[in-house]
Amino acid sequence: MRKYFLIILAGLFIILGVKEVYAAQNVVVVIDPGHGGYDDDSSAFGAIYKDELYEKDVNLTTALALRDELVKYNNVEVYLTRTDDSRLSLEERVDYAVSVGADVMISCHYNASETHIFYGSEIFTSAFGNCYMTGNSLAQCIMERWEEDGLNSKGIKTRIGKKGNDYYGVIRLGKSMGLPVIIIEHGYLDNHIDYERLGTEADWERMGRLDATGIADYFGLSKDSVLDEVIPTVHVGEPEGRVEPDTSDPVDVTFEILESDFDNNVLTYEIGANEPDGKLMYYGVALGDPEKTQASDYADLILWDEGSSKMRGTIDIPTGYKGMITARVYNTYELYTDSETHEIDFKTTLEERAKKLQEEAEAARQRAKEKEEEAKRRELEKEIERQKEEERNALGDFFFFVGNGGESEKSREAKDKKELYTEILIAIILFVVLICLIIVRHRKKITKFLKNYDANDWDRY
């Protein structure tokens, strides 16, 4: 009876169209902290940075932070190939990822170069099929987070080995098992530019959180809600064949000197270049014979502006330098092309300028001396002329004195002025007396005129 009841109940559910409930889909992410262990093989340590800092330890710090952040999201299972300083072969790492059903595997690394001049972040993926498609799509989301944090992108790359397969073993093994594997190189801790941003444990943990956010971005994961189905948000098409890396050097490299500032020992230049198969990354300028210069002579390398075919810059020239100068342009694969070499001469120019300044100073002193001598000469001439004038005046006074009975010229002039003033005064007095006499003689007419004066009858008089 119970059996029939259950059958009837199931039928009712079907008839009523009760919605079927599915289990939420999860993606499986395996995090692989690169290197590890203490074998004699230096690959266990990875890159060795200053103050005995080992890459293997930095990788683990970032990987643990990545896991701790990624597990906060729904729809994801997270595994690590190692959680301590243990040594694993590449085969063991990939086998473990496959055993837990990994959808992707992220191998965490930090970079270094023999010359220590490079900086920037890069991600390597398989060059083949679905592993390239998934790896490149995932890498785009992680790289976007890195760039937002201020890191300099060297791109998402493939690299091919001598046999035509993927160069990196962990990527090659993953591809052979159908597992997309990417190697994320966060930055060059042997270069001060990246080290300033990535040199502390807090920085390594921050990078792990950025990695986790990028992974969540790719799968569309959420911390707040559970998805019925996980669908990647970025889709790169699956290539038909092998995706080739950029193996060509930059082309059309030119180097032009725009200005030589001899006062401040600064040279301004312009560099031109093209990269038809990839992307230009850095440029630098070095002094000396290009046959003898080292890569480190071009540091600090300067980032090439994306999309630009020419870059301008300046370089400080050592005082008195005379010799060669060359420009170098790198692409993202660290392949480079040198420009033509120029000869610059700050030494001869410096000597010439010093000589010219000395000559100008000597000429200025000579002009000042001549001016001073001219002023003295003129003053002396004035003094001589003044003395001669005094002598002439004295001699003239003497003869005038003798000719005027012992009266000097000045006394004579004073006497003449006095006589002139006396004559003028007498003339004025006589004129006043004359006017008074006229008034007295004609006083009656004048009185009558004044009494009967009418301005309108003026014509009668």
Protein backbone atom coordinates (compact mmCIF):
# COMPACT_ATOMS: atom_id res chain seq x y z
CA MET A 1 0.00 0.00 0.00
CA ARG A 2 2.85 2.39 0.91
CA LYS A 3 4.55 1.62 -2.40
CA TYR A 4 1.49 2.64 -4.37
CA PHE A 5 1.16 5.81 -2.30
CA LEU A 6 4.70 6.91 -3.21
CA ILE A 7 4.07 6.19 -6.90
CA ILE A 8 0.88 8.25 -6.85
CA LEU A 9 2.66 11.10 -5.00
CA ALA A 10 5.48 11.15 -7.56
CA GLY A 11 2.95 11.25 -10.35
CA LEU A 12 1.23 14.23 -8.77
CA PHE A 13 4.56 16.10 -8.63
CA ILE A 14 5.12 15.43 -12.30
CA ILE A 15 1.59 16.46 -13.25
CA LEU A 16 1.77 19.66 -11.19
CA GLY A 17 5.08 20.56 -12.87
CA VAL A 18 7.19 20.94 -9.75
CA LYS A 19 10.54 22.54 -10.74
CA GLU A 20 13.55 20.25 -10.57
CA VAL A 21 16.38 21.47 -8.28
CA TYR A 22 19.96 21.07 -9.52
CA ALA A 23 23.11 21.09 -7.42
CA ALA A 24 25.17 24.26 -7.87
CA GLN A 25 28.11 23.90 -10.27
CA ASN A 26 31.60 24.47 -8.91
CA VAL A 27 34.86 25.18 -10.72
CA VAL A 28 38.06 23.67 -9.42
CA VAL A 29 41.14 25.89 -9.27
CA VAL A 30 44.57 24.56 -8.38
CA ILE A 31 47.18 27.05 -7.19
CA ASP A 32 50.78 26.01 -7.68
CA PRO A 33 53.42 27.96 -5.71
CA GLY A 34 56.49 27.65 -7.94
CA HIS A 35 59.74 26.00 -6.79
CA GLY A 36 60.23 24.85 -3.17
CA GLY A 37 62.50 22.53 -1.19
CA TYR A 38 66.21 22.43 -0.39
CA ASP A 39 67.77 20.27 -3.09
CA ASP A 40 71.20 21.06 -4.45
CA ASP A 41 69.47 22.00 -7.67
CA SER A 42 69.12 25.79 -7.59
CA SER A 43 65.71 25.49 -9.25
CA ALA A 44 64.31 24.57 -5.84
CA PHE A 45 64.95 28.11 -4.64
CA GLY A 46 63.87 29.87 -7.80
CA ALA A 47 65.34 33.32 -8.19
CA ILE A 48 67.51 34.51 -5.32
CA TYR A 49 67.11 38.20 -4.53
CA LYS A 50 68.93 40.56 -2.22
CA ASP A 51 69.09 39.86 1.52
CA GLU A 52 68.81 36.09 0.78
CA LEU A 53 65.20 36.41 -0.27
CA TYR A 54 64.15 33.27 -2.16
CA GLU A 55 61.50 33.27 -4.84
CA LYS A 56 60.04 30.00 -3.51
CA ASP A 57 59.06 31.74 -0.26
CA VAL A 58 57.53 34.74 -2.00
CA ASN A 59 55.57 32.41 -4.31
CA LEU A 60 54.13 30.54 -1.33
CA THR A 61 53.12 33.74 0.47
CA THR A 62 51.24 34.94 -2.60
CA ALA A 63 49.64 31.54 -3.22
CA LEU A 64 48.33 31.27 0.34
CA ALA A 65 46.85 34.77 0.14
CA LEU A 66 45.31 33.84 -3.22
CA ARG A 67 43.65 30.79 -1.70
CA ASP A 68 42.41 32.66 1.37
CA GLU A 69 40.76 35.27 -0.84
CA LEU A 70 39.39 32.94 -3.51
CA VAL A 71 37.61 30.62 -1.02
CA LYS A 72 35.46 33.60 -0.01
CA TYR A 73 33.65 33.21 -3.34
CA ASN A 74 30.87 30.73 -4.06
CA ASN A 75 31.00 28.06 -6.76
CA VAL A 76 34.72 27.38 -6.44
CA GLU A 77 36.93 24.69 -4.93
CA VAL A 78 40.52 25.72 -4.28
CA TYR A 79 43.56 23.45 -3.88
CA LEU A 80 47.29 24.08 -3.48
CA THR A 81 50.04 21.82 -4.77
CA ARG A 82 52.08 22.68 -1.67
CA THR A 83 51.41 24.55 1.55
CA ASP A 84 54.93 24.40 2.94
CA ASP A 85 58.53 24.49 1.73
CA SER A 86 58.46 21.10 0.03
CA ARG A 87 59.93 20.01 -3.29
CA LEU A 88 57.60 18.74 -6.02
CA SER A 89 58.41 17.73 -9.55
CA LEU A 90 56.47 19.25 -12.41
CA GLU A 91 54.81 15.89 -13.03
CA GLU A 92 53.68 15.68 -9.41
CA ARG A 93 52.16 19.14 -9.59
CA VAL A 94 50.18 18.47 -12.75
CA ASP A 95 49.16 14.96 -11.64
CA TYR A 96 47.79 16.39 -8.41
CA ALA A 97 45.79 19.03 -10.28
CA VAL A 98 44.30 16.40 -12.58
CA SER A 99 43.49 14.14 -9.61
CA VAL A 100 41.30 16.79 -7.98
CA GLY A 101 39.53 17.54 -11.26
CA ALA A 102 41.08 20.96 -11.83
CA ASP A 103 39.54 23.21 -14.47
CA VAL A 104 42.60 25.46 -14.46
CA MET A 105 45.97 25.55 -12.76
CA ILE A 106 47.75 28.80 -11.85
CA SER A 107 51.48 28.60 -11.22
CA CYS A 108 52.61 31.55 -9.06
CA HIS A 109 56.04 33.06 -9.72
CA TYR A 110 58.15 36.19 -9.44
CA ASN A 111 60.73 37.12 -12.04
CA ALA A 112 64.41 37.96 -12.41
CA SER A 113 66.85 38.53 -15.26
CA GLU A 114 70.59 38.10 -15.67
CA THR A 115 71.06 41.80 -16.37
CA HIS A 116 68.61 43.00 -13.67
CA ILE A 117 67.41 45.78 -15.98
CA PHE A 118 63.91 44.50 -16.81
CA TYR A 119 60.70 45.14 -14.93
CA GLY A 120 57.00 44.51 -15.48
CA SER A 121 54.45 41.70 -15.20
CA GLU A 122 53.79 38.92 -17.69
CA ILE A 123 51.71 35.75 -18.00
CA PHE A 124 52.60 32.67 -20.04
CA THR A 125 50.03 30.28 -21.45
CA SER A 126 49.98 27.30 -23.78
CA ALA A 127 50.21 28.02 -27.50
CA PHE A 128 47.72 25.29 -28.41
CA GLY A 129 43.99 24.73 -28.65
CA ASN A 130 41.67 24.94 -25.68
CA CYS A 131 44.59 25.41 -23.29
CA TYR A 132 45.47 28.63 -25.10
CA MET A 133 41.84 29.72 -25.30
CA THR A 134 41.15 29.23 -21.59
CA GLY A 135 44.59 30.32 -20.42
CA ASN A 136 44.62 33.56 -22.41
CA SER A 137 41.08 34.46 -21.34
CA LEU A 138 41.88 33.89 -17.67
CA ALA A 139 45.19 35.75 -18.01
CA GLN A 140 43.42 38.82 -19.38
CA CYS A 141 41.31 39.12 -16.23
CA ILE A 142 44.31 38.75 -13.93
CA MET A 143 46.44 41.18 -15.95
CA GLU A 144 43.66 43.76 -15.85
CA ARG A 145 43.72 43.67 -12.05
CA TRP A 146 47.50 44.02 -12.02
CA GLU A 147 47.42 47.05 -14.28
CA GLU A 148 44.78 48.68 -12.10
CA ASP A 149 47.21 48.25 -9.21
CA GLY A 150 49.89 50.11 -11.17
CA LEU A 151 52.02 47.27 -12.51
CA ASN A 152 53.47 47.48 -16.02
CA SER A 153 52.21 44.80 -18.37
CA LYS A 154 54.70 42.89 -20.52
CA GLY A 155 51.80 41.02 -22.03
CA ILE A 156 50.22 37.57 -22.22
CA LYS A 157 52.63 35.33 -24.08
CA THR A 158 53.39 31.95 -25.51
CA ARG A 159 56.86 30.44 -25.71
CA ILE A 160 57.90 27.57 -27.93
CA GLY A 161 60.64 25.04 -27.20
CA LYS A 162 63.13 23.54 -29.64
CA LYS A 163 60.82 20.61 -30.42
CA GLY A 164 57.92 22.88 -31.32
CA ASN A 165 55.97 22.28 -28.11
CA ASP A 166 55.29 24.63 -25.21
CA TYR A 167 58.60 25.72 -23.69
CA TYR A 168 57.65 25.58 -20.00
CA GLY A 169 57.34 22.05 -18.63
CA VAL A 170 54.35 22.65 -16.37
CA ILE A 171 52.38 24.17 -19.25
CA ARG A 172 53.48 21.40 -21.62
CA LEU A 173 52.48 18.65 -19.18
CA GLY A 174 49.15 20.32 -18.49
CA LYS A 175 48.42 20.55 -22.20
CA SER A 176 49.20 16.85 -22.64
CA MET A 177 46.47 16.09 -20.07
CA GLY A 178 43.99 18.65 -21.36
CA LEU A 179 44.54 20.95 -18.37
CA PRO A 180 44.97 24.70 -19.03
CA VAL A 181 47.98 25.92 -17.04
CA ILE A 182 49.21 29.50 -16.85
CA ILE A 183 52.38 30.87 -15.26
CA ILE A 184 51.86 34.27 -13.67
CA GLU A 185 55.05 36.31 -13.25
CA HIS A 186 54.09 39.14 -10.93
CA GLY A 187 57.24 41.22 -11.33
CA TYR A 188 61.04 41.40 -11.21
CA LEU A 189 62.18 41.55 -7.60
CA ASP A 190 65.78 42.00 -8.77
CA ASN A 191 64.92 45.38 -10.29
CA HIS A 192 64.38 48.39 -8.05
CA ILE A 193 61.37 49.66 -10.04
CA ASP A 194 59.30 46.54 -9.35
CA TYR A 195 60.86 45.97 -5.94
CA GLU A 196 59.56 49.33 -4.74
CA ARG A 197 56.01 48.04 -5.36
CA LEU A 198 56.51 44.35 -4.58
CA GLY A 199 59.26 44.21 -1.98
CA THR A 200 57.36 43.39 1.22
CA GLU A 201 55.28 40.51 2.53
CA ALA A 202 52.24 42.78 2.51
CA ASP A 203 52.86 43.37 -1.20
CA TRP A 204 53.07 39.64 -1.92
CA GLU A 205 49.79 39.07 -0.10
CA ARG A 206 48.19 41.96 -1.97
CA MET A 207 49.19 40.36 -5.26
CA GLY A 208 47.56 37.09 -4.15
CA ARG A 209 44.29 38.90 -3.49
CA LEU A 210 44.51 40.57 -6.90
CA ASP A 211 45.07 37.16 -8.50
CA ALA A 212 41.99 35.80 -6.75
CA THR A 213 39.89 38.74 -7.88
CA GLY A 214 41.03 38.24 -11.46
CA ILE A 215 40.14 34.54 -11.33
CA ALA A 216 36.71 35.38 -9.90
CA ASP A 217 36.25 37.95 -12.66
CA TYR A 218 36.95 35.33 -15.31
CA PHE A 219 34.50 32.78 -13.94
CA GLY A 220 31.93 35.40 -12.93
CA LEU A 221 32.01 34.27 -9.28
CA SER A 222 30.27 36.11 -6.47
CA LYS A 223 30.75 36.26 -2.71
CA ASP A 224 27.06 36.95 -2.16
CA SER A 225 25.20 34.52 -4.37
CA VAL A 226 25.48 30.95 -5.63
CA LEU A 227 25.35 30.40 -9.38
CA ASP A 228 23.43 27.57 -11.00
CA GLU A 229 26.02 27.50 -13.73
CA VAL A 230 29.50 28.99 -13.97
CA ILE A 231 30.12 30.63 -17.34
CA PRO A 232 33.43 32.34 -18.17
CA THR A 233 33.08 36.04 -18.88
CA VAL A 234 35.92 36.31 -21.42
CA HIS A 235 36.08 34.19 -24.56
CA VAL A 236 39.18 34.00 -26.72
CA GLY A 237 38.73 31.98 -29.87
CA GLU A 238 40.43 28.62 -30.08
CA PRO A 239 43.39 28.85 -32.49
CA GLU A 240 43.58 26.54 -35.47
CA GLY A 241 47.29 25.99 -35.06
CA ARG A 242 50.11 27.07 -32.78
CA VAL A 243 50.09 30.64 -31.49
CA GLU A 244 53.57 31.88 -32.27
CA PRO A 245 55.51 34.14 -29.93
CA ASP A 246 57.19 37.29 -31.18
CA THR A 247 60.65 36.24 -32.34
CA SER A 248 61.53 39.36 -34.34
CA ASP A 249 63.59 42.31 -33.18
CA PRO A 250 62.23 45.86 -33.29
CA VAL A 251 62.69 47.50 -36.70
CA ASP A 252 63.20 50.99 -38.13
CA VAL A 253 65.12 52.11 -35.04
CA THR A 254 66.33 55.70 -35.36
CA PHE A 255 68.18 57.96 -32.96
CA GLU A 256 68.30 61.73 -33.38
CA ILE A 257 70.02 64.26 -31.14
CA LEU A 258 67.74 67.27 -30.78
CA GLU A 259 69.67 69.53 -28.41
CA SER A 260 72.94 69.63 -26.48
CA ASP A 261 72.74 71.75 -23.34
CA PHE A 262 76.40 72.36 -22.54
CA ASP A 263 75.57 74.58 -19.56
CA ASN A 264 73.76 71.77 -17.72
CA ASN A 265 75.41 68.76 -19.44
CA VAL A 266 72.07 67.44 -20.73
CA LEU A 267 71.38 65.93 -24.14
CA THR A 268 67.84 65.78 -25.57
CA TYR A 269 67.09 63.03 -28.09
CA GLU A 270 64.31 61.36 -30.06
CA ILE A 271 64.09 57.61 -30.74
CA GLY A 272 61.90 56.02 -33.39
CA ALA A 273 61.02 52.32 -33.76
CA ASN A 274 58.35 49.86 -34.90
CA GLU A 275 57.36 46.33 -33.87
CA PRO A 276 55.05 44.81 -36.51
CA ASP A 277 54.81 41.40 -34.80
CA GLY A 278 54.35 42.49 -31.21
CA LYS A 279 54.69 45.37 -28.82
CA LEU A 280 57.55 47.72 -27.97
CA MET A 281 58.37 47.71 -24.27
CA TYR A 282 61.45 49.75 -23.27
CA TYR A 283 64.14 52.05 -24.58
CA GLY A 284 67.41 53.32 -23.21
CA VAL A 285 70.54 55.26 -24.13
CA ALA A 286 74.13 54.33 -23.29
CA LEU A 287 77.46 56.11 -23.56
CA GLY A 288 80.55 54.40 -24.91
CA ASP A 289 81.54 52.05 -27.70
CA PRO A 290 78.50 49.84 -28.49
CA GLU A 291 80.86 46.91 -29.04
CA LYS A 292 81.90 47.14 -25.39
CA THR A 293 78.78 48.36 -23.59
CA GLN A 294 76.82 45.97 -21.37
CA ALA A 295 73.05 45.67 -21.11
CA SER A 296 73.25 47.29 -17.67
CA ASP A 297 74.69 50.42 -19.31
CA TYR A 298 71.22 51.09 -20.74
CA ALA A 299 69.48 51.10 -17.34
CA ASP A 300 67.19 52.50 -16.16
CA LEU A 301 65.10 51.42 -19.11
CA ILE A 302 62.17 53.69 -19.90
CA LEU A 303 58.72 52.38 -20.83
CA TRP A 304 57.72 52.86 -24.45
CA ASP A 305 54.31 54.49 -24.80
CA GLU A 306 51.93 52.01 -26.40
CA GLY A 307 50.89 53.08 -29.88
CA SER A 308 53.73 55.58 -30.27
CA SER A 309 56.34 55.32 -33.00
CA LYS A 310 58.67 57.92 -31.46
CA MET A 311 59.80 58.75 -27.95
CA ARG A 312 61.70 61.75 -26.63
CA GLY A 313 63.96 61.82 -23.62
CA THR A 314 67.02 63.33 -21.99
CA ILE A 315 70.25 61.93 -20.62
CA ASP A 316 72.76 63.52 -18.27
CA ILE A 317 76.22 63.66 -19.84
CA PRO A 318 79.29 63.44 -17.58
CA THR A 319 81.27 66.67 -17.47
CA GLY A 320 83.83 66.74 -20.24
CA TYR A 321 82.56 63.57 -21.99
CA LYS A 322 83.68 63.01 -25.57
CA GLY A 323 82.71 59.76 -27.27
CA MET A 324 79.92 57.56 -28.63
CA ILE A 325 76.25 57.40 -27.69
CA THR A 326 73.75 54.73 -28.80
CA ALA A 327 70.04 54.03 -28.26
CA ARG A 328 68.48 50.60 -27.72
CA VAL A 329 64.83 49.54 -28.09
CA TYR A 330 63.32 46.35 -26.57
CA ASN A 331 60.07 44.52 -27.25
CA THR A 332 58.07 42.57 -24.66
CA TYR A 333 60.12 39.43 -25.35
CA GLU A 334 63.30 41.33 -24.39
CA LEU A 335 64.56 41.25 -27.98
CA TYR A 336 66.29 44.47 -28.94
CA THR A 337 67.74 46.55 -31.74
CA ASP A 338 70.45 49.19 -31.41
CA SER A 339 70.34 52.47 -33.28
CA GLU A 340 73.10 54.10 -35.26
CA THR A 341 75.87 55.50 -33.05
CA HIS A 342 76.52 59.22 -32.70
CA GLU A 343 79.68 61.02 -31.67
CA ILE A 344 79.14 63.72 -29.07
CA ASP A 345 81.72 66.16 -27.77
CA PHE A 346 81.13 67.84 -24.45
CA LYS A 347 84.87 67.95 -23.66
CA THR A 348 86.12 70.19 -26.47
CA THR A 349 83.11 72.39 -26.15
CA LEU A 350 83.77 72.67 -22.43
CA GLU A 351 87.39 73.66 -23.04
CA GLU A 352 86.35 76.13 -25.70
CA ARG A 353 83.71 77.63 -23.47
CA ALA A 354 86.19 77.92 -20.60
CA LYS A 355 88.67 79.60 -22.91
CA LYS A 356 85.99 81.89 -24.28
CA LEU A 357 84.85 82.82 -20.79
CA GLN A 358 88.45 83.56 -19.84
CA GLU A 359 88.89 85.71 -22.94
CA GLU A 360 85.63 87.53 -22.25
CA ALA A 361 86.68 88.18 -18.66
CA GLU A 362 90.07 89.47 -19.80
CA ALA A 363 88.40 91.69 -22.41
CA ALA A 364 86.04 93.05 -19.76
CA ARG A 365 88.96 93.82 -17.47
CA GLN A 366 90.78 95.53 -20.36
CA ARG A 367 87.70 97.61 -21.20
CA ALA A 368 87.31 98.62 -17.58
CA LYS A 369 90.97 99.57 -17.42
CA GLU A 370 90.75 101.59 -20.63
CA LYS A 371 87.61 103.31 -19.40
CA GLU A 372 89.30 104.17 -16.13
CA GLU A 373 92.35 105.51 -17.94
CA GLU A 374 90.14 107.54 -20.28
CA ALA A 375 88.32 109.04 -17.31
CA LYS A 376 91.63 109.95 -15.70
CA ARG A 377 92.89 111.45 -18.95
CA ARG A 378 89.78 113.58 -19.35
CA GLU A 379 89.97 114.71 -15.74
CA LEU A 380 93.61 115.64 -16.25
CA GLU A 381 92.76 117.57 -19.40
CA LYS A 382 90.01 119.44 -17.54
CA GLU A 383 92.43 120.26 -14.74
CA ILE A 384 95.03 121.53 -17.22
CA GLU A 385 92.41 123.60 -19.04
CA ARG A 386 91.18 125.01 -15.73
CA GLN A 387 94.71 125.97 -14.74
CA LYS A 388 95.29 127.59 -18.13
CA GLU A 389 92.03 129.52 -17.80
CA GLU A 390 93.05 130.72 -14.38
CA GLU A 391 96.41 131.79 -15.79
CA ARG A 392 94.71 133.63 -18.66
CA ASN A 393 92.32 135.35 -16.29
CA ALA A 394 95.12 136.30 -13.95
CA LEU A 395 97.19 137.71 -16.84
CA GLY A 396 94.19 139.60 -18.23
CA ASP A 397 93.41 141.09 -14.85
CA PHE A 398 97.02 142.18 -14.54
CA PHE A 399 97.05 144.04 -17.85
CA PHE A 400 93.61 145.54 -17.20
CA PHE A 401 94.77 146.65 -13.78
CA VAL A 402 97.83 148.30 -15.26
CA GLY A 403 95.84 149.94 -18.08
CA ASN A 404 93.22 151.34 -15.70
CA GLY A 405 95.52 152.91 -13.20
CA GLY A 406 95.71 150.02 -10.91
CA GLU A 407 92.01 149.20 -11.07
CA SER A 408 91.22 145.56 -11.65
CA GLU A 409 88.85 144.32 -14.31
CA LYS A 410 86.35 143.11 -11.76
CA SER A 411 86.43 146.45 -9.94
CA ARG A 412 85.95 148.21 -13.25
CA GLU A 413 82.98 146.05 -14.14
CA ALA A 414 81.38 146.72 -10.76
CA LYS A 415 81.92 150.45 -11.18
CA ASP A 416 80.39 150.41 -14.67
CA LYS A 417 77.31 148.57 -13.38
CA LYS A 418 76.92 151.08 -10.57
CA GLU A 419 77.09 154.02 -12.98
CA LEU A 420 74.53 152.34 -15.27
CA TYR A 421 72.08 151.79 -12.43
CA THR A 422 72.51 155.44 -11.35
CA GLU A 423 71.75 156.74 -14.84
CA ILE A 424 68.63 154.55 -15.06
CA LEU A 425 67.40 155.82 -11.69
CA ILE A 426 67.93 159.48 -12.70
CA ALA A 427 65.98 158.88 -15.94
CA ILE A 428 63.07 157.40 -14.01
CA ILE A 429 63.02 160.35 -11.59
CA LEU A 430 63.06 162.87 -14.46
CA PHE A 431 60.19 161.04 -16.16
CA VAL A 432 58.08 161.16 -12.99
CA VAL A 433 58.80 164.91 -12.53
CA LEU A 434 57.78 165.56 -16.13
CA ILE A 435 54.45 163.79 -15.63
CA CYS A 436 53.78 165.79 -12.49
CA LEU A 437 54.46 169.11 -14.29
CA ILE A 438 52.04 168.16 -17.05
CA ILE A 439 49.35 167.35 -14.54
CA VAL A 440 49.83 170.66 -12.67
CA ARG A 441 49.73 172.75 -15.83
CA HIS A 442 46.57 171.14 -17.19
CA ARG A 443 44.81 170.38 -13.92
CA LYS A 444 41.65 172.40 -14.82
CA LYS A 445 41.06 170.46 -18.04
CA ILE A 446 41.76 167.24 -16.33
CA THR A 447 39.34 168.05 -13.49
CA LYS A 448 36.61 169.10 -15.94
CA PHE A 449 37.16 165.96 -17.93
CA LEU A 450 36.87 163.74 -14.94
CA LYS A 451 33.64 165.45 -13.78
CA ASN A 452 31.93 165.29 -17.14
CA TYR A 453 33.34 161.97 -18.24
CA ASP A 454 30.92 159.79 -20.10
CA ALA A 455 32.17 156.68 -21.76
CA ASN A 456 29.65 157.13 -24.58
CA ASP A 457 30.85 160.71 -25.28
CA TRP A 458 34.48 159.88 -25.49
CA ASP A 459 34.67 160.93 -29.13
CA ARG A 460 34.11 164.64 -28.13
CA TYR A 461 37.51 164.76 -26.57
